[in-house]
Amino acid sequence: MRDAATRLVYETVKKDSRVLALTADNRNEIFDMIRLEYPENYIEYGIAEENMIASAAGLASCGKIPFLYTITNFMSMHAFEFIRNDVCIPNMNVKFLGRSSGLTSSSMGPTHQGTEELALLRTLPNMLTITPASPIEAREATRFAYEHKGPVYIRLEARGEKEIFSENYSFIPGKGSVIRKGEDLTVIAMGSIICEALKAAEILSTQNISLQVINMPMVRPIDSELIMTAARETKCIITYEEHSVYGGLGSAVSEVLAMNSSGCKFAMMGLECCASGCGNRQDMREINKISCNDLISKVREMLSL
């Protein structure tokens, strides 16, 4: 996802001099290409995320389109007040690429695991939040961010995530999509963990359980119509995320169901705030009970099997 999103920024810099690449001690190889080939479009701030965001707001006020790239936690939490006051309230045209979201930096502990930032950012005025599920979706979300006037935050995970979309995929803000149709229960997922849901659906199909899988890249705005359609059709929904269930996808979907008096059976699978344990990403999913096997167990429990 990181390479797909930042490469789109690189291609955009080449054709639009307004686009700037801003980093805070965390550029990747592609942003390094911008630094070397287009030095007038690149600014490095060091370990000073607050300065980067305040500066980006000023640059945006002058007609520039800054793309900020650094670790999700440092950008969204260290500098939350700056995002709120300098970018969101005045509706500045600033784009945030937050790398290492979810459990990507699993072995580095909670300081580097981006598992609560969506709960913070979805409360802010004018802010659109996007969690891509694959490299192509990350690329197209970045294209949308460039074309959209106003703040956009894109949660990027790592490199090499499995692709679930075709090259002609088009990102539509505020819309989810059915990745796999099913009749017994719907899993609404956010981020690349959707691949675990698809794996679970395949296993459960051999047990005569039909699982519908929905990709929901945005919680603000969220696709209320698709959620309610799933509630009516399967009458049973599980949200599935590599983020805290408090304030994340689970909260956002539950709000839609509650406000529409759905009567749908509902459960949330995600993190209880910070993650527990230490290990690689798959280990961390198992330790925190959000692995494919954990999802299968929850589905069977929800269906009383």
C-alpha atoms as a PDB file:
ATOM      1  CA  MET A   1       0.000   0.000   0.000  1.00  0.00           C
ATOM      2  CA  ARG A   2       2.781   2.435   0.908  1.00  0.00           C
ATOM      3  CA  ASP A   3       4.477   2.132  -2.463  1.00  0.00           C
ATOM      4  CA  ALA A   4       1.213   2.308  -4.420  1.00  0.00           C
ATOM      5  CA  ALA A   5       0.092   5.488  -2.647  1.00  0.00           C
ATOM      6  CA  THR A   6       3.439   7.290  -2.699  1.00  0.00           C
ATOM      7  CA  ARG A   7       4.076   6.370  -6.332  1.00  0.00           C
ATOM      8  CA  LEU A   8       0.818   8.113  -7.218  1.00  0.00           C
ATOM      9  CA  VAL A   9       2.109  11.190  -5.360  1.00  0.00           C
ATOM     10  CA  TYR A  10       5.357  10.962  -7.365  1.00  0.00           C
ATOM     11  CA  GLU A  11       3.437  10.798 -10.661  1.00  0.00           C
ATOM     12  CA  THR A  12       1.284  13.736  -9.562  1.00  0.00           C
ATOM     13  CA  VAL A  13       4.318  15.860  -8.623  1.00  0.00           C
ATOM     14  CA  LYS A  14       5.647  15.369 -12.151  1.00  0.00           C
ATOM     15  CA  LYS A  15       2.572  16.985 -13.698  1.00  0.00           C
ATOM     16  CA  ASP A  16       1.403  19.448 -11.022  1.00  0.00           C
ATOM     17  CA  SER A  17       3.884  21.836  -9.411  1.00  0.00           C
ATOM     18  CA  ARG A  18       1.387  22.584  -6.627  1.00  0.00           C
ATOM     19  CA  VAL A  19       1.862  19.103  -5.153  1.00  0.00           C
ATOM     20  CA  LEU A  20       4.421  18.838  -2.349  1.00  0.00           C
ATOM     21  CA  ALA A  21       5.854  15.813  -0.553  1.00  0.00           C
ATOM     22  CA  LEU A  22       6.384  16.422   3.176  1.00  0.00           C
ATOM     23  CA  THR A  23       8.002  13.915   5.526  1.00  0.00           C
ATOM     24  CA  ALA A  24       8.948  13.713   9.196  1.00  0.00           C
ATOM     25  CA  ASP A  25      11.955  11.401   9.384  1.00  0.00           C
ATOM     26  CA  ASN A  26      10.132   8.591   7.551  1.00  0.00           C
ATOM     27  CA  ARG A  27      10.408   8.917   3.789  1.00  0.00           C
ATOM     28  CA  ASN A  28      10.417   5.783   1.655  1.00  0.00           C
ATOM     29  CA  GLU A  29      12.284   5.078  -1.601  1.00  0.00           C
ATOM     30  CA  ILE A  30       9.627   6.758  -3.738  1.00  0.00           C
ATOM     31  CA  PHE A  31       9.480   9.951  -1.707  1.00  0.00           C
ATOM     32  CA  ASP A  32      13.288   9.866  -1.889  1.00  0.00           C
ATOM     33  CA  MET A  33      12.922   9.984  -5.687  1.00  0.00           C
ATOM     34  CA  ILE A  34      10.860  13.152  -5.289  1.00  0.00           C
ATOM     35  CA  ARG A  35      13.542  14.583  -3.000  1.00  0.00           C
ATOM     36  CA  LEU A  36      16.257  13.932  -5.591  1.00  0.00           C
ATOM     37  CA  GLU A  37      14.388  14.711  -8.822  1.00  0.00           C
ATOM     38  CA  TYR A  38      12.074  17.504  -7.632  1.00  0.00           C
ATOM     39  CA  PRO A  39      13.820  19.091  -4.626  1.00  0.00           C
ATOM     40  CA  GLU A  40      11.608  22.195  -4.834  1.00  0.00           C
ATOM     41  CA  ASN A  41       8.585  19.934  -4.164  1.00  0.00           C
ATOM     42  CA  TYR A  42      10.025  18.160  -1.139  1.00  0.00           C
ATOM     43  CA  ILE A  43      10.412  19.225   2.516  1.00  0.00           C
ATOM     44  CA  GLU A  44      11.871  17.127   5.352  1.00  0.00           C
ATOM     45  CA  TYR A  45      10.902  18.179   8.898  1.00  0.00           C
ATOM     46  CA  GLY A  46      12.755  15.600  10.981  1.00  0.00           C
ATOM     47  CA  ILE A  47      11.096  14.380  14.167  1.00  0.00           C
ATOM     48  CA  ALA A  48       8.731  17.366  14.276  1.00  0.00           C
ATOM     49  CA  GLU A  49       5.274  16.263  13.149  1.00  0.00           C
ATOM     50  CA  GLU A  50       3.575  19.299  14.705  1.00  0.00           C
ATOM     51  CA  ASN A  51       5.766  21.651  12.647  1.00  0.00           C
ATOM     52  CA  MET A  52       5.091  19.640   9.504  1.00  0.00           C
ATOM     53  CA  ILE A  53       1.312  19.896   9.928  1.00  0.00           C
ATOM     54  CA  ALA A  54       1.287  23.585  10.836  1.00  0.00           C
ATOM     55  CA  SER A  55       3.532  24.277   7.852  1.00  0.00           C
ATOM     56  CA  ALA A  56       1.325  22.154   5.570  1.00  0.00           C
ATOM     57  CA  ALA A  57      -1.703  24.239   6.562  1.00  0.00           C
ATOM     58  CA  GLY A  58       0.190  27.399   5.646  1.00  0.00           C
ATOM     59  CA  LEU A  59       1.296  25.937   2.315  1.00  0.00           C
ATOM     60  CA  ALA A  60      -2.268  24.884   1.542  1.00  0.00           C
ATOM     61  CA  SER A  61      -3.462  28.424   2.253  1.00  0.00           C
ATOM     62  CA  CYS A  62      -1.109  29.542  -0.527  1.00  0.00           C
ATOM     63  CA  GLY A  63      -2.587  27.130  -3.062  1.00  0.00           C
ATOM     64  CA  LYS A  64      -0.205  24.199  -2.591  1.00  0.00           C
ATOM     65  CA  ILE A  65      -1.364  20.583  -2.177  1.00  0.00           C
ATOM     66  CA  PRO A  66       0.854  19.008   0.493  1.00  0.00           C
ATOM     67  CA  PHE A  67       0.981  15.226   0.944  1.00  0.00           C
ATOM     68  CA  LEU A  68       2.329  14.333   4.393  1.00  0.00           C
ATOM     69  CA  TYR A  69       3.937  10.930   4.912  1.00  0.00           C
ATOM     70  CA  THR A  70       5.087   9.502   8.243  1.00  0.00           C
ATOM     71  CA  ILE A  71       4.149   6.925  10.891  1.00  0.00           C
ATOM     72  CA  THR A  72       0.414   7.023  11.592  1.00  0.00           C
ATOM     73  CA  ASN A  73       0.689   7.316  15.379  1.00  0.00           C
ATOM     74  CA  PHE A  74       3.209  10.136  15.340  1.00  0.00           C
ATOM     75  CA  MET A  75       1.229  12.167  12.833  1.00  0.00           C
ATOM     76  CA  SER A  76      -2.265  11.651  14.252  1.00  0.00           C
ATOM     77  CA  MET A  77      -1.498  11.603  17.987  1.00  0.00           C
ATOM     78  CA  HIS A  78       1.579  13.770  18.523  1.00  0.00           C
ATOM     79  CA  ALA A  79       0.049  16.453  16.360  1.00  0.00           C
ATOM     80  CA  PHE A  80      -3.687  15.948  16.880  1.00  0.00           C
ATOM     81  CA  GLU A  81      -4.325  19.504  18.060  1.00  0.00           C
ATOM     82  CA  PHE A  82      -2.529  20.880  14.994  1.00  0.00           C
ATOM     83  CA  ILE A  83      -4.625  18.694  12.684  1.00  0.00           C
ATOM     84  CA  ARG A  84      -7.772  19.892  14.439  1.00  0.00           C
ATOM     85  CA  ASN A  85      -7.019  23.610  14.695  1.00  0.00           C
ATOM     86  CA  ASP A  86      -4.793  24.328  11.685  1.00  0.00           C
ATOM     87  CA  VAL A  87      -6.178  21.906   9.099  1.00  0.00           C
ATOM     88  CA  CYS A  88      -9.686  20.649   9.844  1.00  0.00           C
ATOM     89  CA  ILE A  89     -11.489  23.629  11.348  1.00  0.00           C
ATOM     90  CA  PRO A  90     -10.359  25.993   8.528  1.00  0.00           C
ATOM     91  CA  ASN A  91     -10.811  23.133   5.987  1.00  0.00           C
ATOM     92  CA  MET A  92      -7.290  23.282   4.561  1.00  0.00           C
ATOM     93  CA  ASN A  93      -6.421  21.178   1.507  1.00  0.00           C
ATOM     94  CA  VAL A  94      -3.926  18.902   3.279  1.00  0.00           C
ATOM     95  CA  LYS A  95      -3.485  15.175   2.572  1.00  0.00           C
ATOM     96  CA  PHE A  96      -2.183  12.734   5.191  1.00  0.00           C
ATOM     97  CA  LEU A  97      -0.582   9.394   4.339  1.00  0.00           C
ATOM     98  CA  GLY A  98      -0.207   7.614   7.667  1.00  0.00           C
ATOM     99  CA  ARG A  99       2.080   4.611   7.314  1.00  0.00           C
ATOM    100  CA  SER A 100       2.267   1.559   9.642  1.00  0.00           C
ATOM    101  CA  SER A 101      -1.415   1.542  10.562  1.00  0.00           C
ATOM    102  CA  GLY A 102      -2.896  -1.461  12.309  1.00  0.00           C
ATOM    103  CA  LEU A 103      -0.427  -4.089  13.518  1.00  0.00           C
ATOM    104  CA  THR A 104       2.124  -3.510  10.751  1.00  0.00           C
ATOM    105  CA  SER A 105       4.814  -2.548  13.280  1.00  0.00           C
ATOM    106  CA  SER A 106       3.781  -5.483  15.444  1.00  0.00           C
ATOM    107  CA  SER A 107       7.146  -6.187  17.084  1.00  0.00           C
ATOM    108  CA  MET A 108       7.729  -2.525  18.035  1.00  0.00           C
ATOM    109  CA  GLY A 109       4.900  -2.381  20.555  1.00  0.00           C
ATOM    110  CA  PRO A 110       1.947  -0.023  21.013  1.00  0.00           C
ATOM    111  CA  THR A 111       4.028   3.145  20.491  1.00  0.00           C
ATOM    112  CA  HIS A 112       4.283   2.246  16.789  1.00  0.00           C
ATOM    113  CA  GLN A 113       1.016   0.335  16.258  1.00  0.00           C
ATOM    114  CA  GLY A 114      -1.695   2.491  14.710  1.00  0.00           C
ATOM    115  CA  THR A 115      -4.766   1.096  16.406  1.00  0.00           C
ATOM    116  CA  GLU A 116      -6.697   4.076  17.789  1.00  0.00           C
ATOM    117  CA  GLU A 117      -6.090   6.985  15.432  1.00  0.00           C
ATOM    118  CA  LEU A 118      -9.235   6.495  13.376  1.00  0.00           C
ATOM    119  CA  ALA A 119     -11.332   6.987  16.506  1.00  0.00           C
ATOM    120  CA  LEU A 120      -9.658  10.384  16.954  1.00  0.00           C
ATOM    121  CA  LEU A 121      -9.731  11.561  13.368  1.00  0.00           C
ATOM    122  CA  ARG A 122     -13.326  10.664  12.510  1.00  0.00           C
ATOM    123  CA  THR A 123     -14.504  13.234  15.072  1.00  0.00           C
ATOM    124  CA  LEU A 124     -12.876  16.166  13.283  1.00  0.00           C
ATOM    125  CA  PRO A 125     -14.764  18.607  11.027  1.00  0.00           C
ATOM    126  CA  ASN A 126     -14.175  18.292   7.271  1.00  0.00           C
ATOM    127  CA  MET A 127     -11.843  15.290   7.681  1.00  0.00           C
ATOM    128  CA  LEU A 128     -12.365  12.283   5.403  1.00  0.00           C
ATOM    129  CA  THR A 129     -10.767   9.054   6.662  1.00  0.00           C
ATOM    130  CA  ILE A 130      -9.874   6.148   4.355  1.00  0.00           C
ATOM    131  CA  THR A 131      -8.509   2.697   5.206  1.00  0.00           C
ATOM    132  CA  PRO A 132      -7.581   0.921   1.957  1.00  0.00           C
ATOM    133  CA  ALA A 133      -7.777  -2.865   1.767  1.00  0.00           C
ATOM    134  CA  SER A 134      -5.183  -3.350  -0.976  1.00  0.00           C
ATOM    135  CA  PRO A 135      -2.467  -1.564  -2.992  1.00  0.00           C
ATOM    136  CA  ILE A 136      -4.814  -0.644  -5.842  1.00  0.00           C
ATOM    137  CA  GLU A 137      -7.365   0.799  -3.436  1.00  0.00           C
ATOM    138  CA  ALA A 138      -4.556   2.748  -1.721  1.00  0.00           C
ATOM    139  CA  ARG A 139      -3.478   4.154  -5.073  1.00  0.00           C
ATOM    140  CA  GLU A 140      -6.990   5.143  -6.098  1.00  0.00           C
ATOM    141  CA  ALA A 141      -7.751   6.616  -2.666  1.00  0.00           C
ATOM    142  CA  THR A 142      -4.649   8.785  -3.077  1.00  0.00           C
ATOM    143  CA  ARG A 143      -5.856   9.862  -6.516  1.00  0.00           C
ATOM    144  CA  PHE A 144      -9.187  10.820  -4.953  1.00  0.00           C
ATOM    145  CA  ALA A 145      -7.377  12.756  -2.203  1.00  0.00           C
ATOM    146  CA  TYR A 146      -5.494  14.770  -4.828  1.00  0.00           C
ATOM    147  CA  GLU A 147      -8.721  15.657  -6.626  1.00  0.00           C
ATOM    148  CA  HIS A 148     -10.733  16.384  -3.466  1.00  0.00           C
ATOM    149  CA  LYS A 149     -10.560  19.857  -1.927  1.00  0.00           C
ATOM    150  CA  GLY A 150     -10.194  19.477   1.829  1.00  0.00           C
ATOM    151  CA  PRO A 151      -8.363  17.286   4.363  1.00  0.00           C
ATOM    152  CA  VAL A 152      -8.075  13.549   3.709  1.00  0.00           C
ATOM    153  CA  TYR A 153      -6.388  10.976   5.950  1.00  0.00           C
ATOM    154  CA  ILE A 154      -5.373   7.642   4.377  1.00  0.00           C
ATOM    155  CA  ARG A 155      -4.275   4.810   6.686  1.00  0.00           C
ATOM    156  CA  LEU A 156      -1.546   2.844   4.942  1.00  0.00           C
ATOM    157  CA  GLU A 157      -0.336  -0.477   6.239  1.00  0.00           C
ATOM    158  CA  ALA A 158       2.819  -2.044   4.791  1.00  0.00           C
ATOM    159  CA  ARG A 159       4.094  -3.429   1.495  1.00  0.00           C
ATOM    160  CA  GLY A 160       3.034  -6.503  -0.399  1.00  0.00           C
ATOM    161  CA  GLU A 161      -0.575  -6.791   0.746  1.00  0.00           C
ATOM    162  CA  LYS A 162      -2.689  -9.185  -1.296  1.00  0.00           C
ATOM    163  CA  GLU A 163      -4.591  -7.549  -4.138  1.00  0.00           C
ATOM    164  CA  ILE A 164      -8.370  -8.017  -4.233  1.00  0.00           C
ATOM    165  CA  PHE A 165      -9.276  -5.449  -6.916  1.00  0.00           C
ATOM    166  CA  SER A 166      -8.725  -5.261 -10.668  1.00  0.00           C
ATOM    167  CA  GLU A 167      -6.762  -2.489 -12.363  1.00  0.00           C
ATOM    168  CA  ASN A 168      -9.976  -0.729 -13.417  1.00  0.00           C
ATOM    169  CA  TYR A 169     -11.139  -0.300  -9.790  1.00  0.00           C
ATOM    170  CA  SER A 170     -12.528   3.162  -9.092  1.00  0.00           C
ATOM    171  CA  PHE A 171     -12.591   4.578  -5.565  1.00  0.00           C
ATOM    172  CA  ILE A 172     -15.939   6.171  -4.658  1.00  0.00           C
ATOM    173  CA  PRO A 173     -15.928   8.176  -1.402  1.00  0.00           C
ATOM    174  CA  GLY A 174     -18.380   6.992   1.220  1.00  0.00           C
ATOM    175  CA  LYS A 175     -19.094   3.718  -0.562  1.00  0.00           C
ATOM    176  CA  GLY A 176     -18.332   0.152   0.443  1.00  0.00           C
ATOM    177  CA  SER A 177     -18.443  -2.862  -1.850  1.00  0.00           C
ATOM    178  CA  VAL A 178     -19.516  -6.497  -1.655  1.00  0.00           C
ATOM    179  CA  ILE A 179     -16.385  -8.556  -2.286  1.00  0.00           C
ATOM    180  CA  ARG A 180     -18.082 -11.917  -1.792  1.00  0.00           C
ATOM    181  CA  LYS A 181     -21.819 -12.563  -1.759  1.00  0.00           C
ATOM    182  CA  GLY A 182     -23.379 -14.697   0.964  1.00  0.00           C
ATOM    183  CA  GLU A 183     -26.692 -15.358   2.657  1.00  0.00           C
ATOM    184  CA  ASP A 184     -26.135 -16.444   6.271  1.00  0.00           C
ATOM    185  CA  LEU A 185     -24.021 -13.674   7.799  1.00  0.00           C
ATOM    186  CA  THR A 186     -22.199 -10.519   6.693  1.00  0.00           C
ATOM    187  CA  VAL A 187     -18.642  -9.610   7.675  1.00  0.00           C
ATOM    188  CA  ILE A 188     -17.886  -5.912   7.181  1.00  0.00           C
ATOM    189  CA  ALA A 189     -14.119  -5.455   7.121  1.00  0.00           C
ATOM    190  CA  MET A 190     -11.723  -2.514   6.958  1.00  0.00           C
ATOM    191  CA  GLY A 191      -8.131  -2.770   5.708  1.00  0.00           C
ATOM    192  CA  SER A 192      -6.139  -5.742   4.440  1.00  0.00           C
ATOM    193  CA  ILE A 193      -7.524  -7.980   7.202  1.00  0.00           C
ATOM    194  CA  ILE A 194     -10.384  -8.482   4.762  1.00  0.00           C
ATOM    195  CA  CYS A 195      -8.208 -11.224   3.247  1.00  0.00           C
ATOM    196  CA  GLU A 196      -8.619 -13.160   6.505  1.00  0.00           C
ATOM    197  CA  ALA A 197     -12.377 -12.744   6.131  1.00  0.00           C
ATOM    198  CA  LEU A 198     -12.260 -14.057   2.558  1.00  0.00           C
ATOM    199  CA  LYS A 199     -10.207 -17.024   3.728  1.00  0.00           C
ATOM    200  CA  ALA A 200     -12.747 -17.686   6.476  1.00  0.00           C
ATOM    201  CA  ALA A 201     -15.589 -17.467   3.959  1.00  0.00           C
ATOM    202  CA  GLU A 202     -13.911 -20.068   1.766  1.00  0.00           C
ATOM    203  CA  ILE A 203     -13.416 -22.466   4.686  1.00  0.00           C
ATOM    204  CA  LEU A 204     -16.968 -21.965   5.941  1.00  0.00           C
ATOM    205  CA  SER A 205     -18.376 -22.616   2.470  1.00  0.00           C
ATOM    206  CA  THR A 206     -17.193 -26.231   2.843  1.00  0.00           C
ATOM    207  CA  GLN A 207     -19.349 -26.405   5.993  1.00  0.00           C
ATOM    208  CA  ASN A 208     -22.464 -25.116   4.192  1.00  0.00           C
ATOM    209  CA  ILE A 209     -22.182 -21.630   5.741  1.00  0.00           C
ATOM    210  CA  SER A 210     -22.577 -18.787   3.260  1.00  0.00           C
ATOM    211  CA  LEU A 211     -20.598 -15.714   4.344  1.00  0.00           C
ATOM    212  CA  GLN A 212     -20.973 -12.311   2.720  1.00  0.00           C
ATOM    213  CA  VAL A 213     -17.839 -10.113   2.870  1.00  0.00           C
ATOM    214  CA  ILE A 214     -18.030  -6.320   2.497  1.00  0.00           C
ATOM    215  CA  ASN A 215     -15.106  -3.938   2.184  1.00  0.00           C
ATOM    216  CA  MET A 216     -15.765  -0.664   4.034  1.00  0.00           C
ATOM    217  CA  PRO A 217     -12.827   1.726   3.421  1.00  0.00           C
ATOM    218  CA  MET A 218     -14.461   4.783   4.999  1.00  0.00           C
ATOM    219  CA  VAL A 219     -16.112   5.268   8.375  1.00  0.00           C
ATOM    220  CA  ARG A 220     -16.642   8.961   7.681  1.00  0.00           C
ATOM    221  CA  PRO A 221     -18.676   9.153   5.605  1.00  0.00           C
ATOM    222  CA  ILE A 222     -19.824   5.547   5.871  1.00  0.00           C
ATOM    223  CA  ASP A 223     -22.032   3.598   3.468  1.00  0.00           C
ATOM    224  CA  SER A 224     -25.202   3.422   5.576  1.00  0.00           C
ATOM    225  CA  GLU A 225     -27.296   2.121   2.685  1.00  0.00           C
ATOM    226  CA  LEU A 226     -25.033  -0.901   2.122  1.00  0.00           C
ATOM    227  CA  ILE A 227     -24.933  -1.649   5.855  1.00  0.00           C
ATOM    228  CA  MET A 228     -28.720  -1.603   6.132  1.00  0.00           C
ATOM    229  CA  THR A 229     -29.088  -3.746   3.009  1.00  0.00           C
ATOM    230  CA  ALA A 230     -26.780  -6.343   4.579  1.00  0.00           C
ATOM    231  CA  ALA A 231     -28.736  -6.148   7.843  1.00  0.00           C
ATOM    232  CA  ARG A 232     -32.017  -6.840   6.049  1.00  0.00           C
ATOM    233  CA  GLU A 233     -30.645  -9.619   3.852  1.00  0.00           C
ATOM    234  CA  THR A 234     -28.520 -11.621   6.314  1.00  0.00           C
ATOM    235  CA  LYS A 235     -29.879 -10.303   9.648  1.00  0.00           C
ATOM    236  CA  CYS A 236     -26.479 -10.928  11.208  1.00  0.00           C
ATOM    237  CA  ILE A 237     -23.351  -8.701  10.968  1.00  0.00           C
ATOM    238  CA  ILE A 238     -19.806  -8.916  12.328  1.00  0.00           C
ATOM    239  CA  THR A 239     -17.424  -5.973  11.930  1.00  0.00           C
ATOM    240  CA  TYR A 240     -13.775  -6.957  11.509  1.00  0.00           C
ATOM    241  CA  GLU A 241     -10.861  -4.567  11.902  1.00  0.00           C
ATOM    242  CA  GLU A 242      -7.217  -4.231  12.900  1.00  0.00           C
ATOM    243  CA  HIS A 243      -8.103  -1.206  15.019  1.00  0.00           C
ATOM    244  CA  SER A 244      -9.787  -0.574  18.349  1.00  0.00           C
ATOM    245  CA  VAL A 245     -13.447  -1.512  18.272  1.00  0.00           C
ATOM    246  CA  TYR A 246     -14.081   1.680  20.256  1.00  0.00           C
ATOM    247  CA  GLY A 247     -14.488   4.516  17.794  1.00  0.00           C
ATOM    248  CA  GLY A 248     -13.452   2.496  14.751  1.00  0.00           C
ATOM    249  CA  LEU A 249     -15.410   0.497  12.189  1.00  0.00           C
ATOM    250  CA  GLY A 250     -17.364  -1.416  14.827  1.00  0.00           C
ATOM    251  CA  SER A 251     -18.575   1.778  16.463  1.00  0.00           C
ATOM    252  CA  ALA A 252     -19.423   3.400  13.130  1.00  0.00           C
ATOM    253  CA  VAL A 253     -21.479   0.427  11.909  1.00  0.00           C
ATOM    254  CA  SER A 254     -23.248   0.032  15.263  1.00  0.00           C
ATOM    255  CA  GLU A 255     -24.267   3.693  15.099  1.00  0.00           C
ATOM    256  CA  VAL A 256     -25.908   3.103  11.706  1.00  0.00           C
ATOM    257  CA  LEU A 257     -27.710  -0.019  12.928  1.00  0.00           C
ATOM    258  CA  ALA A 258     -28.917   1.679  16.119  1.00  0.00           C
ATOM    259  CA  MET A 259     -30.133   4.843  14.419  1.00  0.00           C
ATOM    260  CA  ASN A 260     -32.094   2.779  11.915  1.00  0.00           C
ATOM    261  CA  SER A 261     -33.542   0.347  14.504  1.00  0.00           C
ATOM    262  CA  SER A 262     -32.288  -2.562  12.442  1.00  0.00           C
ATOM    263  CA  GLY A 263     -32.954  -5.403  14.879  1.00  0.00           C
ATOM    264  CA  CYS A 264     -29.914  -7.072  13.337  1.00  0.00           C
ATOM    265  CA  LYS A 265     -27.769  -9.461  15.363  1.00  0.00           C
ATOM    266  CA  PHE A 266     -24.408  -7.720  15.699  1.00  0.00           C
ATOM    267  CA  ALA A 267     -20.867  -8.314  17.005  1.00  0.00           C
ATOM    268  CA  MET A 268     -17.547  -6.477  16.751  1.00  0.00           C
ATOM    269  CA  MET A 269     -14.151  -8.110  16.216  1.00  0.00           C
ATOM    270  CA  GLY A 270     -11.097  -5.928  16.651  1.00  0.00           C
ATOM    271  CA  LEU A 271      -8.732  -4.716  19.323  1.00  0.00           C
ATOM    272  CA  GLU A 272      -9.641  -3.791  22.854  1.00  0.00           C
ATOM    273  CA  CYS A 273      -7.805  -0.461  22.422  1.00  0.00           C
ATOM    274  CA  CYS A 274      -4.055  -1.252  22.390  1.00  0.00           C
ATOM    275  CA  ALA A 275      -2.883  -4.653  21.166  1.00  0.00           C
ATOM    276  CA  SER A 276      -1.441  -7.257  23.524  1.00  0.00           C
ATOM    277  CA  GLY A 277       1.715  -9.291  23.055  1.00  0.00           C
ATOM    278  CA  CYS A 278       4.630  -9.118  20.642  1.00  0.00           C
ATOM    279  CA  GLY A 279       5.474 -10.965  17.446  1.00  0.00           C
ATOM    280  CA  ASN A 280       4.983 -10.809  13.704  1.00  0.00           C
ATOM    281  CA  ARG A 281       1.713  -9.572  12.290  1.00  0.00           C
ATOM    282  CA  GLN A 282       0.079 -12.993  12.056  1.00  0.00           C
ATOM    283  CA  ASP A 283       1.190 -13.826  15.592  1.00  0.00           C
ATOM    284  CA  MET A 284      -0.339 -10.581  16.806  1.00  0.00           C
ATOM    285  CA  ARG A 285      -3.643 -11.348  15.104  1.00  0.00           C
ATOM    286  CA  GLU A 286      -3.735 -14.710  16.838  1.00  0.00           C
ATOM    287  CA  ILE A 287      -2.694 -13.312  20.241  1.00  0.00           C
ATOM    288  CA  ASN A 288      -5.408 -10.649  19.992  1.00  0.00           C
ATOM    289  CA  LYS A 289      -8.027 -13.105  18.724  1.00  0.00           C
ATOM    290  CA  ILE A 290      -8.651 -11.505  15.334  1.00  0.00           C
ATOM    291  CA  SER A 291      -7.214 -14.265  13.141  1.00  0.00           C
ATOM    292  CA  CYS A 292      -9.094 -16.175  10.448  1.00  0.00           C
ATOM    293  CA  ASN A 293      -9.774 -19.023  12.902  1.00  0.00           C
ATOM    294  CA  ASP A 294     -11.102 -16.579  15.491  1.00  0.00           C
ATOM    295  CA  LEU A 295     -13.477 -15.145  12.908  1.00  0.00           C
ATOM    296  CA  ILE A 296     -14.686 -18.633  11.979  1.00  0.00           C
ATOM    297  CA  SER A 297     -15.409 -19.351  15.648  1.00  0.00           C
ATOM    298  CA  LYS A 298     -17.310 -16.067  16.015  1.00  0.00           C
ATOM    299  CA  VAL A 299     -19.394 -16.782  12.911  1.00  0.00           C
ATOM    300  CA  ARG A 300     -20.368 -20.206  14.233  1.00  0.00           C
ATOM    301  CA  GLU A 301     -21.186 -18.680  17.617  1.00  0.00           C
ATOM    302  CA  MET A 302     -23.357 -15.978  16.041  1.00  0.00           C
ATOM    303  CA  LEU A 303     -25.213 -18.590  14.015  1.00  0.00           C
ATOM    304  CA  SER A 304     -25.498 -20.819  17.137  1.00  0.00           C
ATOM    305  CA  LEU A 305     -23.729 -23.726  15.461  1.00  0.00           C
END
